Amino acid sequence: MSNQTNKQKGVAEGIKETAGAAFHTLHSALETTENVAMNALDAAKNTANNLAGNRNEKGQRNHD
């Protein structure tokens, strides 16, 4: 194999590895974003449930 062919294969492998690493980083970032969003929704739901529960304990009507 010529030196030029080896260089081209090396460049192609480098691009492939870089793209793979970038994809992995992006995938991890998306998972982290999803986890943060779901935790925020859970916290909001819990807060709403707690507020509704506090009103019910005081004899106020819960509007479902």
C-alpha atoms as a PDB file:
ATOM      1  CA  MET A   1       0.000   0.000   0.000  1.00  0.00           C
ATOM      2  CA  SER A   2       1.288   3.451  -0.797  1.00  0.00           C
ATOM      3  CA  ASN A   3       2.099   6.026   1.819  1.00  0.00           C
ATOM      4  CA  GLN A   4      -0.679   8.245   0.420  1.00  0.00           C
ATOM      5  CA  THR A   5      -3.280   5.501   0.880  1.00  0.00           C
ATOM      6  CA  ASN A   6      -2.155   4.945   4.471  1.00  0.00           C
ATOM      7  CA  LYS A   7      -2.455   8.666   5.194  1.00  0.00           C
ATOM      8  CA  GLN A   8      -5.958   8.779   3.729  1.00  0.00           C
ATOM      9  CA  LYS A   9      -7.058   5.796   5.816  1.00  0.00           C
ATOM     10  CA  GLY A  10      -5.560   7.422   8.897  1.00  0.00           C
ATOM     11  CA  VAL A  11      -7.453  10.650   8.229  1.00  0.00           C
ATOM     12  CA  ALA A  12     -10.688   8.750   7.633  1.00  0.00           C
ATOM     13  CA  GLU A  13     -10.277   6.804  10.884  1.00  0.00           C
ATOM     14  CA  GLY A  14      -9.555  10.038  12.759  1.00  0.00           C
ATOM     15  CA  ILE A  15     -12.724  11.637  11.384  1.00  0.00           C
ATOM     16  CA  LYS A  16     -14.727   8.532  12.270  1.00  0.00           C
ATOM     17  CA  GLU A  17     -13.394   8.511  15.843  1.00  0.00           C
ATOM     18  CA  THR A  18     -14.048  12.234  16.260  1.00  0.00           C
ATOM     19  CA  ALA A  19     -17.603  11.885  14.962  1.00  0.00           C
ATOM     20  CA  GLY A  20     -18.196   8.964  17.318  1.00  0.00           C
ATOM     21  CA  ALA A  21     -16.911  10.936  20.288  1.00  0.00           C
ATOM     22  CA  ALA A  22     -19.046  13.944  19.332  1.00  0.00           C
ATOM     23  CA  PHE A  23     -22.127  11.744  19.015  1.00  0.00           C
ATOM     24  CA  HIS A  24     -21.471  10.191  22.422  1.00  0.00           C
ATOM     25  CA  THR A  25     -21.060  13.633  24.009  1.00  0.00           C
ATOM     26  CA  LEU A  26     -24.276  14.899  22.432  1.00  0.00           C
ATOM     27  CA  HIS A  27     -26.172  11.776  23.494  1.00  0.00           C
ATOM     28  CA  SER A  28     -24.970  12.185  27.094  1.00  0.00           C
ATOM     29  CA  ALA A  29     -25.963  15.856  27.096  1.00  0.00           C
ATOM     30  CA  LEU A  30     -29.455  15.003  25.845  1.00  0.00           C
ATOM     31  CA  GLU A  31     -29.882  12.371  28.557  1.00  0.00           C
ATOM     32  CA  THR A  32     -28.780  14.867  31.199  1.00  0.00           C
ATOM     33  CA  THR A  33     -31.216  17.461  29.860  1.00  0.00           C
ATOM     34  CA  GLU A  34     -34.027  14.916  29.923  1.00  0.00           C
ATOM     35  CA  ASN A  35     -33.229  13.972  33.517  1.00  0.00           C
ATOM     36  CA  VAL A  36     -33.190  17.609  34.640  1.00  0.00           C
ATOM     37  CA  ALA A  37     -36.503  18.298  32.900  1.00  0.00           C
ATOM     38  CA  MET A  38     -38.177  15.220  34.382  1.00  0.00           C
ATOM     39  CA  ASN A  39     -36.921  16.088  37.872  1.00  0.00           C
ATOM     40  CA  ALA A  40     -38.306  19.611  37.494  1.00  0.00           C
ATOM     41  CA  LEU A  41     -41.678  18.223  36.426  1.00  0.00           C
ATOM     42  CA  ASP A  42     -41.730  15.809  39.348  1.00  0.00           C
ATOM     43  CA  ALA A  43     -40.921  18.640  41.754  1.00  0.00           C
ATOM     44  CA  ALA A  44     -43.680  20.818  40.289  1.00  0.00           C
ATOM     45  CA  LYS A  45     -46.174  17.938  40.534  1.00  0.00           C
ATOM     46  CA  ASN A  46     -45.200  17.265  44.140  1.00  0.00           C
ATOM     47  CA  THR A  47     -45.548  20.942  45.015  1.00  0.00           C
ATOM     48  CA  ALA A  48     -48.978  21.111  43.404  1.00  0.00           C
ATOM     49  CA  ASN A  49     -50.072  17.945  45.216  1.00  0.00           C
ATOM     50  CA  ASN A  50     -48.787  19.298  48.526  1.00  0.00           C
ATOM     51  CA  LEU A  51     -50.627  22.593  48.048  1.00  0.00           C
ATOM     52  CA  ALA A  52     -53.825  20.769  47.120  1.00  0.00           C
ATOM     53  CA  GLY A  53     -53.410  18.486  50.127  1.00  0.00           C
ATOM     54  CA  ASN A  54     -52.895  21.427  52.472  1.00  0.00           C
ATOM     55  CA  ARG A  55     -56.100  23.069  51.241  1.00  0.00           C
ATOM     56  CA  ASN A  56     -58.025  19.835  51.714  1.00  0.00           C
ATOM     57  CA  GLU A  57     -56.760  19.451  55.274  1.00  0.00           C
ATOM     58  CA  LYS A  58     -58.137  22.909  56.067  1.00  0.00           C
ATOM     59  CA  GLY A  59     -61.579  21.904  54.804  1.00  0.00           C
ATOM     60  CA  GLN A  60     -61.291  23.674  51.473  1.00  0.00           C
ATOM     61  CA  ARG A  61     -62.632  22.067  48.351  1.00  0.00           C
ATOM     62  CA  ASN A  62     -60.201  20.394  45.963  1.00  0.00           C
ATOM     63  CA  HIS A  63     -61.063  21.353  42.365  1.00  0.00           C
ATOM     64  CA  ASP A  64     -60.101  18.339  40.251  1.00  0.00           C
END
